Amino acid sequence: MTEHFTGHNKARLEASPNRFFLAFAILALSIAFLMSVALAGTTAFRKEWQYASDAKI
């Protein structure tokens, strides 16, 4: 009976880094995606602002 629980805990501990790695990878990819969206948005906004200021001259 104890061997069953020991094996279960060992398997659970061995599986933990994979879950943490997966969570870290998802977090890193979502941060990268948000940063690229923010960069694209600011670039588009800057170009729009430049065209608007050129039109006023």
PDB file of N, CA and C in Angstrom:
ATOM      1  N   MET A   1       0.829  -1.198   0.000  1.00  0.00           N
ATOM      2  CA  MET A   1       0.000   0.000   0.000  1.00  0.00           C
ATOM      3  C   MET A   1       0.872   1.259   0.000  1.00  0.00           C
ATOM      4  N   THR A   2       1.937   1.231   0.840  1.00  0.00           N
ATOM      5  CA  THR A   2       2.809   2.409   0.889  1.00  0.00           C
ATOM      6  C   THR A   2       3.576   2.555  -0.411  1.00  0.00           C
ATOM      7  N   GLU A   3       3.929   1.441  -1.038  1.00  0.00           N
ATOM      8  CA  GLU A   3       4.657   1.516  -2.306  1.00  0.00           C
ATOM      9  C   GLU A   3       3.811   2.213  -3.375  1.00  0.00           C
ATOM     10  N   HIS A   4       2.525   1.987  -3.316  1.00  0.00           N
ATOM     11  CA  HIS A   4       1.633   2.616  -4.288  1.00  0.00           C
ATOM     12  C   HIS A   4       1.693   4.138  -4.141  1.00  0.00           C
ATOM     13  N   PHE A   5       1.601   4.623  -2.916  1.00  0.00           N
ATOM     14  CA  PHE A   5       1.625   6.068  -2.688  1.00  0.00           C
ATOM     15  C   PHE A   5       3.002   6.652  -2.992  1.00  0.00           C
ATOM     16  N   THR A   6       4.059   5.910  -2.654  1.00  0.00           N
ATOM     17  CA  THR A   6       5.415   6.380  -2.950  1.00  0.00           C
ATOM     18  C   THR A   6       5.603   6.514  -4.454  1.00  0.00           C
ATOM     19  N   GLY A   7       5.144   5.525  -5.185  1.00  0.00           N
ATOM     20  CA  GLY A   7       5.248   5.577  -6.640  1.00  0.00           C
ATOM     21  C   GLY A   7       4.427   6.718  -7.213  1.00  0.00           C
ATOM     22  N   HIS A   8       3.264   6.929  -6.624  1.00  0.00           N
ATOM     23  CA  HIS A   8       2.388   8.015  -7.093  1.00  0.00           C
ATOM     24  C   HIS A   8       3.050   9.365  -6.847  1.00  0.00           C
ATOM     25  N   ASN A   9       3.597   9.561  -5.657  1.00  0.00           N
ATOM     26  CA  ASN A   9       4.257  10.832  -5.348  1.00  0.00           C
ATOM     27  C   ASN A   9       5.482  11.043  -6.221  1.00  0.00           C
ATOM     28  N   LYS A  10       6.227   9.967  -6.465  1.00  0.00           N
ATOM     29  CA  LYS A  10       7.414  10.082  -7.304  1.00  0.00           C
ATOM     30  C   LYS A  10       7.012  10.480  -8.725  1.00  0.00           C
ATOM     31  N   ALA A  11       5.981   9.850  -9.247  1.00  0.00           N
ATOM     32  CA  ALA A  11       5.512  10.172 -10.598  1.00  0.00           C
ATOM     33  C   ALA A  11       4.985  11.605 -10.649  1.00  0.00           C
ATOM     34  N   ARG A  12       4.320  12.023  -9.582  1.00  0.00           N
ATOM     35  CA  ARG A  12       3.775  13.378  -9.545  1.00  0.00           C
ATOM     36  C   ARG A  12       4.903  14.407  -9.506  1.00  0.00           C
ATOM     37  N   LEU A  13       5.952  14.131  -8.744  1.00  0.00           N
ATOM     38  CA  LEU A  13       7.082  15.048  -8.667  1.00  0.00           C
ATOM     39  C   LEU A  13       7.853  15.104  -9.981  1.00  0.00           C
ATOM     40  N   GLU A  14       7.954  13.962 -10.656  1.00  0.00           N
ATOM     41  CA  GLU A  14       8.656  13.950 -11.937  1.00  0.00           C
ATOM     42  C   GLU A  14       7.852  14.691 -13.006  1.00  0.00           C
ATOM     43  N   ALA A  15       6.537  14.727 -12.867  1.00  0.00           N
ATOM     44  CA  ALA A  15       5.693  15.396 -13.863  1.00  0.00           C
ATOM     45  C   ALA A  15       5.609  16.899 -13.603  1.00  0.00           C
ATOM     46  N   SER A  16       5.966  17.347 -12.436  1.00  0.00           N
ATOM     47  CA  SER A  16       5.821  18.762 -12.093  1.00  0.00           C
ATOM     48  C   SER A  16       6.626  19.710 -12.983  1.00  0.00           C
ATOM     49  N   PRO A  17       7.907  19.463 -13.219  1.00  0.00           N
ATOM     50  CA  PRO A  17       8.655  20.409 -14.056  1.00  0.00           C
ATOM     51  C   PRO A  17       8.045  20.595 -15.441  1.00  0.00           C
ATOM     52  N   ASN A  18       7.458  19.545 -16.004  1.00  0.00           N
ATOM     53  CA  ASN A  18       6.839  19.673 -17.320  1.00  0.00           C
ATOM     54  C   ASN A  18       5.686  20.662 -17.271  1.00  0.00           C
ATOM     55  N   ARG A  19       4.886  20.579 -16.209  1.00  0.00           N
ATOM     56  CA  ARG A  19       3.767  21.499 -16.068  1.00  0.00           C
ATOM     57  C   ARG A  19       4.256  22.922 -15.867  1.00  0.00           C
ATOM     58  N   PHE A  20       5.299  23.088 -15.052  1.00  0.00           N
ATOM     59  CA  PHE A  20       5.846  24.427 -14.834  1.00  0.00           C
ATOM     60  C   PHE A  20       6.457  24.966 -16.120  1.00  0.00           C
ATOM     61  N   PHE A  21       7.127  24.096 -16.862  1.00  0.00           N
ATOM     62  CA  PHE A  21       7.722  24.519 -18.125  1.00  0.00           C
ATOM     63  C   PHE A  21       6.646  24.942 -19.117  1.00  0.00           C
ATOM     64  N   LEU A  22       5.563  24.182 -19.155  1.00  0.00           N
ATOM     65  CA  LEU A  22       4.461  24.516 -20.054  1.00  0.00           C
ATOM     66  C   LEU A  22       3.826  25.848 -19.655  1.00  0.00           C
ATOM     67  N   ALA A  23       3.612  26.048 -18.362  1.00  0.00           N
ATOM     68  CA  ALA A  23       3.027  27.305 -17.891  1.00  0.00           C
ATOM     69  C   ALA A  23       3.961  28.474 -18.187  1.00  0.00           C
ATOM     70  N   PHE A  24       5.241  28.281 -17.990  1.00  0.00           N
ATOM     71  CA  PHE A  24       6.219  29.339 -18.272  1.00  0.00           C
ATOM     72  C   PHE A  24       6.258  29.662 -19.762  1.00  0.00           C
ATOM     73  N   ALA A  25       6.201  28.630 -20.596  1.00  0.00           N
ATOM     74  CA  ALA A  25       6.229  28.840 -22.043  1.00  0.00           C
ATOM     75  C   ALA A  25       4.988  29.600 -22.496  1.00  0.00           C
ATOM     76  N   ILE A  26       3.826  29.243 -21.967  1.00  0.00           N
ATOM     77  CA  ILE A  26       2.595  29.944 -22.326  1.00  0.00           C
ATOM     78  C   ILE A  26       2.664  31.389 -21.864  1.00  0.00           C
ATOM     79  N   LEU A  27       3.173  31.616 -20.664  1.00  0.00           N
ATOM     80  CA  LEU A  27       3.300  32.980 -20.141  1.00  0.00           C
ATOM     81  C   LEU A  27       4.257  33.801 -21.004  1.00  0.00           C
ATOM     82  N   ALA A  28       5.401  33.223 -21.355  1.00  0.00           N
ATOM     83  CA  ALA A  28       6.378  33.944 -22.171  1.00  0.00           C
ATOM     84  C   ALA A  28       5.817  34.253 -23.555  1.00  0.00           C
ATOM     85  N   LEU A  29       5.113  33.310 -24.154  1.00  0.00           N
ATOM     86  CA  LEU A  29       4.540  33.551 -25.482  1.00  0.00           C
ATOM     87  C   LEU A  29       3.449  34.608 -25.436  1.00  0.00           C
ATOM     88  N   SER A  30       2.630  34.599 -24.382  1.00  0.00           N
ATOM     89  CA  SER A  30       1.577  35.611 -24.301  1.00  0.00           C
ATOM     90  C   SER A  30       2.166  36.994 -24.051  1.00  0.00           C
ATOM     91  N   ILE A  31       3.240  37.089 -23.262  1.00  0.00           N
ATOM     92  CA  ILE A  31       3.895  38.384 -23.052  1.00  0.00           C
ATOM     93  C   ILE A  31       4.500  38.873 -24.363  1.00  0.00           C
ATOM     94  N   ALA A  32       5.134  37.974 -25.114  1.00  0.00           N
ATOM     95  CA  ALA A  32       5.715  38.357 -26.403  1.00  0.00           C
ATOM     96  C   ALA A  32       4.627  38.805 -27.374  1.00  0.00           C
ATOM     97  N   PHE A  33       3.494  38.122 -27.361  1.00  0.00           N
ATOM     98  CA  PHE A  33       2.391  38.498 -28.241  1.00  0.00           C
ATOM     99  C   PHE A  33       1.850  39.884 -27.874  1.00  0.00           C
ATOM    100  N   LEU A  34       1.666  40.126 -26.586  1.00  0.00           N
ATOM    101  CA  LEU A  34       1.164  41.433 -26.148  1.00  0.00           C
ATOM    102  C   LEU A  34       2.152  42.548 -26.490  1.00  0.00           C
ATOM    103  N   MET A  35       3.449  42.278 -26.343  1.00  0.00           N
ATOM    104  CA  MET A  35       4.448  43.289 -26.673  1.00  0.00           C
ATOM    105  C   MET A  35       4.444  43.582 -28.173  1.00  0.00           C
ATOM    106  N   SER A  36       4.288  42.556 -29.003  1.00  0.00           N
ATOM    107  CA  SER A  36       4.262  42.794 -30.447  1.00  0.00           C
ATOM    108  C   SER A  36       3.002  43.550 -30.845  1.00  0.00           C
ATOM    109  N   VAL A  37       1.883  43.263 -30.198  1.00  0.00           N
ATOM    110  CA  VAL A  37       0.652  43.998 -30.486  1.00  0.00           C
ATOM    111  C   VAL A  37       0.810  45.459 -30.078  1.00  0.00           C
ATOM    112  N   ALA A  38       1.414  45.701 -28.918  1.00  0.00           N
ATOM    113  CA  ALA A  38       1.620  47.071 -28.458  1.00  0.00           C
ATOM    114  C   ALA A  38       2.569  47.815 -29.396  1.00  0.00           C
ATOM    115  N   LEU A  39       3.619  47.148 -29.842  1.00  0.00           N
ATOM    116  CA  LEU A  39       4.573  47.785 -30.750  1.00  0.00           C
ATOM    117  C   LEU A  39       3.910  48.117 -32.091  1.00  0.00           C
ATOM    118  N   ALA A  40       3.128  47.188 -32.611  1.00  0.00           N
ATOM    119  CA  ALA A  40       2.431  47.434 -33.877  1.00  0.00           C
ATOM    120  C   ALA A  40       1.425  48.571 -33.720  1.00  0.00           C
ATOM    121  N   GLY A  41       0.742  48.616 -32.587  1.00  0.00           N
ATOM    122  CA  GLY A  41      -0.231  49.681 -32.351  1.00  0.00           C
ATOM    123  C   GLY A  41       0.421  51.039 -32.250  1.00  0.00           C
ATOM    124  N   THR A  42       1.525  51.139 -31.544  1.00  0.00           N
ATOM    125  CA  THR A  42       2.193  52.440 -31.410  1.00  0.00           C
ATOM    126  C   THR A  42       2.794  52.879 -32.736  1.00  0.00           C
ATOM    127  N   THR A  43       3.308  51.918 -33.522  1.00  0.00           N
ATOM    128  CA  THR A  43       3.861  52.266 -34.833  1.00  0.00           C
ATOM    129  C   THR A  43       2.756  52.799 -35.746  1.00  0.00           C
ATOM    130  N   ALA A  44       1.617  52.133 -35.761  1.00  0.00           N
ATOM    131  CA  ALA A  44       0.500  52.588 -36.593  1.00  0.00           C
ATOM    132  C   ALA A  44       0.016  53.952 -36.121  1.00  0.00           C
ATOM    133  N   PHE A  45      -0.038  54.151 -34.821  1.00  0.00           N
ATOM    134  CA  PHE A  45      -0.493  55.429 -34.280  1.00  0.00           C
ATOM    135  C   PHE A  45       0.479  56.548 -34.653  1.00  0.00           C
ATOM    136  N   ARG A  46       1.777  56.259 -34.592  1.00  0.00           N
ATOM    137  CA  ARG A  46       2.783  57.263 -34.951  1.00  0.00           C
ATOM    138  C   ARG A  46       2.671  57.646 -36.423  1.00  0.00           C
ATOM    139  N   LYS A  47       2.494  56.646 -37.290  1.00  0.00           N
ATOM    140  CA  LYS A  47       2.364  56.936 -38.718  1.00  0.00           C
ATOM    141  C   LYS A  47       1.108  57.763 -38.974  1.00  0.00           C
ATOM    142  N   GLU A  48       0.031  57.416 -38.314  1.00  0.00           N
ATOM    143  CA  GLU A  48      -1.223  58.157 -38.487  1.00  0.00           C
ATOM    144  C   GLU A  48      -1.048  59.600 -38.021  1.00  0.00           C
ATOM    145  N   TRP A  49      -0.357  59.768 -36.912  1.00  0.00           N
ATOM    146  CA  TRP A  49      -0.102  61.100 -36.368  1.00  0.00           C
ATOM    147  C   TRP A  49       0.773  61.904 -37.328  1.00  0.00           C
ATOM    148  N   GLN A  50       1.760  61.235 -37.942  1.00  0.00           N
ATOM    149  CA  GLN A  50       2.661  61.897 -38.887  1.00  0.00           C
ATOM    150  C   GLN A  50       1.880  62.361 -40.118  1.00  0.00           C
ATOM    151  N   TYR A  51       0.998  61.484 -40.630  1.00  0.00           N
ATOM    152  CA  TYR A  51       0.206  61.868 -41.799  1.00  0.00           C
ATOM    153  C   TYR A  51      -0.729  63.025 -41.468  1.00  0.00           C
ATOM    154  N   ALA A  52      -1.301  63.016 -40.281  1.00  0.00           N
ATOM    155  CA  ALA A  52      -2.216  64.092 -39.882  1.00  0.00           C
ATOM    156  C   ALA A  52      -1.454  65.408 -39.761  1.00  0.00           C
ATOM    157  N   SER A  53      -0.242  65.371 -39.205  1.00  0.00           N
ATOM    158  CA  SER A  53       0.519  66.612 -39.062  1.00  0.00           C
ATOM    159  C   SER A  53       1.039  67.098 -40.420  1.00  0.00           C
ATOM    160  N   ASP A  54       1.347  66.171 -41.345  1.00  0.00           N
ATOM    161  CA  ASP A  54       1.758  66.574 -42.694  1.00  0.00           C
ATOM    162  C   ASP A  54       0.603  67.215 -43.462  1.00  0.00           C
ATOM    163  N   ALA A  55      -0.596  66.740 -43.218  1.00  0.00           N
ATOM    164  CA  ALA A  55      -1.751  67.282 -43.926  1.00  0.00           C
ATOM    165  C   ALA A  55      -2.062  68.714 -43.483  1.00  0.00           C
ATOM    166  N   LYS A  56      -1.731  69.060 -42.248  1.00  0.00           N
ATOM    167  CA  LYS A  56      -2.021  70.400 -41.740  1.00  0.00           C
ATOM    168  C   LYS A  56      -1.082  71.446 -42.317  1.00  0.00           C
ATOM    169  N   ILE A  57       0.110  71.022 -42.720  1.00  0.00           N
ATOM    170  CA  ILE A  57       1.103  71.987 -43.196  1.00  0.00           C
ATOM    171  C   ILE A  57       0.722  72.506 -44.581  1.00  0.00           C
TER     172      ILE A  57
END
